[in-house]
Protein backbone atom coordinates (compact mmCIF):
# COMPACT_ATOMS: atom_id res chain seq x y z
CA MET A 1 99.67 98.88 117.31
CA SER A 2 98.31 99.16 113.76
CA ASN A 3 94.76 98.19 114.79
CA TRP A 4 94.79 100.70 117.64
CA LEU A 5 96.05 103.45 115.34
CA LEU A 6 93.49 102.69 112.64
CA SER A 7 90.70 102.76 115.22
CA LEU A 8 91.52 106.43 115.86
CA GLU A 9 91.04 107.58 112.26
CA GLY A 10 88.39 110.28 111.99
CA THR A 11 87.91 110.51 115.78
CA GLU A 12 88.55 113.34 118.22
CA ALA A 13 91.29 111.27 119.84
CA GLY A 14 92.83 110.77 116.40
CA HIS A 15 92.75 114.53 115.82
CA HIS A 16 94.58 115.22 119.08
CA LEU A 17 97.15 112.51 118.36
CA ALA A 18 97.70 113.95 114.88
CA LEU A 19 98.33 117.36 116.48
CA ILE A 20 100.98 115.88 118.79
CA LEU A 21 102.57 113.99 115.90
CA ALA A 22 102.69 117.07 113.64
CA VAL A 23 104.34 119.26 116.29
CA SER A 24 106.79 116.45 117.10
CA ALA A 25 107.60 116.26 113.39
CA ALA A 26 108.26 120.02 113.40
CA ILE A 27 110.82 119.79 116.20
CA LEU A 28 112.55 116.75 114.73
CA HIS A 29 112.57 118.12 111.18
CA ALA A 30 114.40 121.23 112.35
CA PHE A 31 117.08 119.01 113.92
CA PHE A 32 117.23 116.90 110.76
CA GLY A 33 117.77 119.98 108.59
CA ALA A 34 120.47 121.28 110.92
CA LEU A 35 122.25 117.92 110.81
CA GLN A 36 122.29 118.03 107.01
CA LYS A 37 123.45 121.66 106.89
CA GLY A 38 126.01 121.29 109.73
CA ARG A 39 129.77 120.81 109.59
CA HIS A 40 129.84 118.29 106.72
CA ASP A 41 129.05 118.70 103.03
CA PRO A 42 125.21 118.50 102.77
CA TRP A 43 125.44 115.82 100.09
CA LEU A 44 127.59 113.62 102.32
CA SER A 45 125.40 114.24 105.36
CA ARG A 46 122.27 113.32 103.45
CA GLY A 47 123.88 110.21 102.01
CA ALA A 48 125.01 109.05 105.46
CA MET A 49 121.59 109.66 106.99
CA ASP A 50 119.74 107.93 104.14
CA LEU A 51 122.04 104.92 104.34
CA SER A 52 121.46 104.67 108.08
CA TYR A 53 117.68 104.79 108.00
CA GLY A 54 117.54 102.54 104.95
CA LEU A 55 119.59 99.83 106.69
CA MET A 56 117.62 100.23 109.92
CA ALA A 57 114.30 99.93 108.08
CA MET A 58 115.32 96.95 105.92
CA PRO A 59 114.70 94.13 108.44
CA PHE A 60 111.35 95.62 109.43
CA ALA A 61 110.29 95.91 105.77
CA LEU A 62 111.38 92.39 104.87
CA PHE A 63 110.51 90.43 108.00
CA VAL A 64 108.23 92.34 110.41
CA VAL A 65 105.43 94.32 108.74
CA PRO A 66 102.88 92.76 106.37
CA TRP A 67 104.05 92.58 102.76
CA PRO A 68 102.83 95.49 100.56
CA GLU A 69 99.81 94.91 98.35
CA ALA A 70 100.46 94.71 94.59
CA HIS A 71 99.05 98.18 93.93
CA MET A 72 101.60 99.72 96.32
CA TRP A 73 104.67 99.11 94.13
CA PRO A 74 103.84 101.85 91.57
CA ILE A 75 103.12 104.16 94.51
CA PHE A 76 106.52 103.38 96.01
CA ALA A 77 108.16 104.07 92.63
CA GLY A 78 106.55 107.51 92.46
CA MET A 79 107.48 108.19 96.08
CA PHE A 80 111.12 107.31 95.38
CA LEU A 81 111.37 109.73 92.43
CA ILE A 82 109.61 112.61 94.21
CA HIS A 83 111.75 112.33 97.34
CA LEU A 84 114.93 111.99 95.30
CA ALA A 85 114.17 115.23 93.44
CA TYR A 86 113.35 116.94 96.75
CA LYS A 87 116.62 115.85 98.36
CA VAL A 88 118.72 116.93 95.38
CA LEU A 89 117.07 120.36 95.33
CA GLN A 90 117.43 120.74 99.09
CA ALA A 91 121.13 119.87 99.04
CA MET A 92 121.68 122.31 96.16
CA ALA A 93 119.97 125.06 98.18
CA TYR A 94 121.93 124.26 101.34
CA THR A 95 125.26 124.43 99.52
CA ARG A 96 124.42 127.95 98.29
CA GLY A 97 122.66 129.67 101.17
CA ALA A 98 122.65 130.13 104.93
CA TYR A 99 120.47 127.65 106.81
CA THR A 100 118.29 130.27 108.52
CA VAL A 101 117.50 131.93 105.17
CA VAL A 102 116.97 128.85 103.00
CA TYR A 103 115.08 126.71 105.51
CA PRO A 104 112.21 129.17 106.18
CA VAL A 105 111.58 129.61 102.44
CA VAL A 106 111.45 125.84 101.90
CA ARG A 107 109.11 125.30 104.80
CA GLY A 108 106.99 128.39 104.11
CA THR A 109 106.30 127.49 100.49
CA GLY A 110 105.40 123.91 101.33
CA PRO A 111 102.23 124.32 103.45
CA LEU A 112 100.60 126.81 101.09
CA PHE A 113 100.88 124.41 98.17
CA THR A 114 99.93 121.46 100.40
CA VAL A 115 96.69 123.08 101.56
CA VAL A 116 95.69 123.66 97.94
CA ALA A 117 96.69 120.11 96.94
CA ALA A 118 94.80 118.63 99.90
CA PHE A 119 91.65 120.44 98.71
CA LEU A 120 92.06 119.18 95.15
CA ILE A 121 92.94 115.58 96.02
CA PHE A 122 91.27 114.86 99.37
CA GLY A 123 88.49 117.46 99.31
CA GLU A 124 89.74 119.11 102.51
CA THR A 125 88.59 122.64 103.27
CA PHE A 126 89.78 125.31 105.70
CA ALA A 127 87.51 127.65 107.64
CA PRO A 128 88.07 131.40 107.09
CA THR A 129 89.75 131.67 110.50
CA GLN A 130 92.13 128.88 109.54
CA TRP A 131 93.06 130.70 106.34
CA LEU A 132 93.83 133.72 108.53
CA GLY A 133 96.12 131.45 110.55
CA VAL A 134 97.83 130.26 107.37
CA GLY A 135 98.40 133.89 106.39
CA ILE A 136 99.86 134.76 109.80
CA LEU A 137 102.14 131.72 109.73
CA LEU A 138 103.37 132.44 106.20
CA ALA A 139 103.93 136.12 107.04
CA GLY A 140 106.12 135.03 109.92
CA ILE A 141 108.03 132.45 107.88
CA PHE A 142 108.73 134.65 104.86
CA GLY A 143 109.34 137.66 107.09
CA LEU A 144 111.97 135.64 108.93
CA ALA A 145 113.57 134.62 105.66
CA LEU A 146 113.59 138.24 104.42
CA TYR A 147 115.05 139.53 107.67
CA ASN A 148 117.77 136.89 107.59
CA TYR A 149 118.46 137.67 103.94
CA ILE A 150 118.99 141.37 104.72
CA HIS A 151 121.23 140.81 107.71
CA ILE A 152 123.11 137.62 106.90
CA ASP A 153 126.86 138.01 106.31
CA VAL A 154 127.73 134.66 104.68
CA ASP A 155 127.03 133.19 101.20
CA ARG A 156 125.84 136.57 99.87
CA GLU A 157 127.04 135.91 96.32
CA THR A 158 125.00 132.70 96.00
CA LEU A 159 122.02 133.63 98.16
CA LEU A 160 119.58 134.57 95.36
CA PRO A 161 120.07 131.24 93.51
CA ALA A 162 119.71 129.52 96.89
CA LEU A 163 116.35 131.25 97.46
CA GLY A 164 115.13 130.19 94.00
CA LEU A 165 116.10 126.60 94.75
CA ALA A 166 114.47 126.86 98.17
CA PHE A 167 111.18 127.96 96.58
CA ILE A 168 111.22 125.01 94.18
CA THR A 169 112.15 122.69 97.03
CA GLY A 170 109.12 123.97 98.93
CA ALA A 171 106.92 122.95 96.01
CA PHE A 172 108.36 119.46 96.26
CA VAL A 173 107.67 119.46 100.01
CA ALA A 174 104.01 119.99 99.17
CA LEU A 175 104.18 117.30 96.49
CA TYR A 176 105.75 114.66 98.71
CA THR A 177 103.52 115.52 101.68
CA THR A 178 100.38 115.08 99.60
CA TYR A 179 101.70 112.03 97.76
CA ASP A 180 102.87 110.32 100.97
CA ALA A 181 99.47 110.99 102.54
CA TYR A 182 97.88 109.27 99.56
CA GLY A 183 100.36 106.39 99.82
CA ILE A 184 99.96 105.74 103.55
CA ARG A 185 96.18 105.73 103.10
CA ALA A 186 96.39 103.28 100.18
CA THR A 187 97.70 100.37 102.27
CA ALA A 188 95.89 98.48 105.01
CA ASP A 189 98.77 98.73 107.49
CA PRO A 190 100.39 102.21 107.79
CA PHE A 191 103.58 100.67 109.19
CA THR A 192 103.99 98.70 105.97
CA PHE A 193 104.19 101.98 104.10
CA LEU A 194 106.59 103.50 106.63
CA ALA A 195 108.99 100.55 106.67
CA TRP A 196 109.14 100.28 102.89
CA PHE A 197 109.31 104.05 102.49
CA PHE A 198 112.49 104.30 104.56
CA PHE A 199 113.98 101.16 103.01
CA ILE A 200 113.43 102.31 99.42
CA ASP A 201 114.14 105.98 100.09
CA GLY A 202 117.55 105.13 101.53
CA ILE A 203 118.94 103.68 98.29
CA ALA A 204 119.94 106.51 95.94
CA MET A 205 121.68 109.25 97.94
CA PRO A 206 124.31 107.02 99.60
CA ILE A 207 125.55 105.96 96.15
CA TYR A 208 126.03 109.56 95.03
CA ALA A 209 127.52 110.56 98.39
CA ALA A 210 130.07 107.73 98.18
CA LYS A 211 131.17 108.89 94.71
CA ARG A 212 131.40 112.48 95.93
CA TRP A 213 133.44 111.43 98.97
CA ARG A 214 135.90 109.42 96.85
CA ALA A 215 136.38 112.39 94.49
CA MET A 216 137.29 114.82 97.28
CA GLU A 217 140.92 115.81 97.62
CA VAL A 218 140.50 116.34 101.34
CA LYS A 219 138.13 113.67 102.62
CA PRO A 220 136.29 114.24 105.92
CA ASP A 221 136.84 111.67 108.63
CA PHE A 222 134.50 108.75 108.17
CA GLY A 223 133.74 108.23 111.86
CA PRO A 224 132.05 111.59 112.66
CA LEU A 225 130.19 111.44 109.33
CA ALA A 226 128.90 107.94 110.11
CA LEU A 227 127.83 109.06 113.58
CA ARG A 228 125.95 112.01 112.06
CA GLY A 229 124.30 109.53 109.69
CA VAL A 230 123.09 107.27 112.49
CA ILE A 231 121.76 110.18 114.56
CA GLY A 232 120.11 111.69 111.48
CA GLY A 233 118.61 108.33 110.54
CA LEU A 234 116.98 107.99 113.94
CA VAL A 235 115.72 111.58 113.79
CA ALA A 236 114.32 110.90 110.30
CA PHE A 237 112.13 108.08 111.62
CA GLY A 238 110.58 110.50 114.06
CA SER A 239 110.40 113.44 111.66
CA PHE A 240 109.01 111.83 108.52
CA GLY A 241 107.27 108.94 110.24
CA THR A 242 105.23 111.10 112.60
CA ILE A 243 104.01 113.48 109.90
CA MET A 244 102.92 110.58 107.68
CA LEU A 245 100.98 109.03 110.53
CA ALA A 246 99.42 112.43 111.26
CA THR A 247 98.18 112.69 107.66
CA ARG A 248 96.64 109.23 107.95
CA LEU A 249 94.80 110.11 111.16
CA ASP A 250 93.59 113.61 110.28
CA LYS A 251 93.60 116.38 107.67
CA VAL A 252 96.68 116.59 105.47
CA GLY A 253 96.56 120.38 105.24
CA GLU A 254 96.41 120.94 109.00
CA ALA A 255 99.27 118.54 109.63
CA ALA A 256 101.37 120.26 106.96
CA VAL A 257 100.77 123.71 108.44
CA LEU A 258 101.53 122.62 112.00
CA ARG A 259 104.73 120.92 110.88
CA GLU A 260 106.03 124.23 109.54
CA THR A 261 106.42 125.53 113.06
CA SER A 262 109.73 123.70 112.49
CA THR A 263 110.95 127.11 111.28
CA VAL A 264 110.79 128.37 114.86
CA PHE A 265 112.86 125.45 116.09
CA ALA A 266 115.26 125.83 113.14
CA ALA A 267 115.89 129.46 114.11
CA LEU A 268 116.57 128.40 117.69
CA ILE A 269 118.98 125.72 116.46
CA GLY A 270 120.67 128.25 114.18
CA TRP A 271 121.15 130.51 117.19
CA ILE A 272 122.16 127.95 119.83
CA VAL A 273 124.06 125.39 117.72
CA LEU A 274 125.25 127.22 114.60
CA GLY A 275 126.02 130.53 116.36
CA GLU A 276 123.66 132.66 114.24
CA LYS A 277 122.26 135.79 115.89
CA VAL A 278 118.66 136.03 117.15
CA GLY A 279 117.33 139.49 118.03
CA PRO A 280 113.95 140.89 119.09
CA ARG A 281 112.69 141.23 115.48
CA ARG A 282 113.39 137.61 114.72
CA ILE A 283 111.77 136.55 117.98
CA ALA A 284 108.67 138.55 116.97
CA LEU A 285 108.57 136.87 113.57
CA MET A 286 108.99 133.46 115.17
CA SER A 287 106.09 134.30 117.48
CA LEU A 288 103.97 135.04 114.39
CA ILE A 289 104.69 131.56 113.07
CA ALA A 290 103.61 129.97 116.34
CA LEU A 291 100.51 132.20 116.50
CA GLY A 292 99.52 131.24 112.96
CA ALA A 293 99.76 127.54 113.81
CA VAL A 294 97.58 128.05 116.90
CA VAL A 295 94.95 129.91 114.86
CA VAL A 296 94.90 127.11 112.26
CA GLU A 297 94.47 124.47 114.95
CA PHE A 298 91.71 126.18 116.90
CA GLY A 299 90.01 127.99 114.02
CA GLY A 300 88.48 124.87 112.47
């Protein structure tokens, strides 16, 4: 599997596979965000999901994939700290603001910073038409967030702090996307990075979530929370794993932009699952996001 994947790097087939992986990551990331924001406390949901994917990844990291090279351990340490900061910021934003307002700001800020970082670190460039696509996509994302902000009825008193946290979280999305792309390219076998990423990344949040759960006066039932954790853990493999593989196969910036079509799927989830309203204006803004992604893909 690894040899076949590596043979596609820099090829047209690799580009097409990276496109499929990035769009798949978008769909799955929207589900992952909805699972964290759903019926349970976001801190508990994230802890349960991290514990699940950490335990599932452990045997693969220890016994299946090749052992990481010595230079990978400092990279894993940096990855752990960056993702921990991202998850803390995201949970803080989710506890203060409505999902369909906070999520678009997080995902809209991320690709803009990622495209710039990919130029500085990997020397990637966008054609003028692709920059137009980025602008269209961001206009749709931030327009959707603004529309939701104006019309949302819940969490009004904490919405502005939530938006500030969402913006900072978006910066960390760009940071971890670029850093993970560097990390997965630094090891010979990409699945070594993925297995150890999920194993190491699943350590911190479950500890905090367990302390938070024990301190609650009214504790949520453990069974549904554990089930959410297992489902979220499986979704995480698809969401984060596919985007990392996409950045190994093709341009980091393009993969990051295409992944942010997750905002469209998040809005649909907010409407269908969470009962949030979707009208013609929001549909138009969601269409802008999809159009921007198409222009980025075909404008290169």
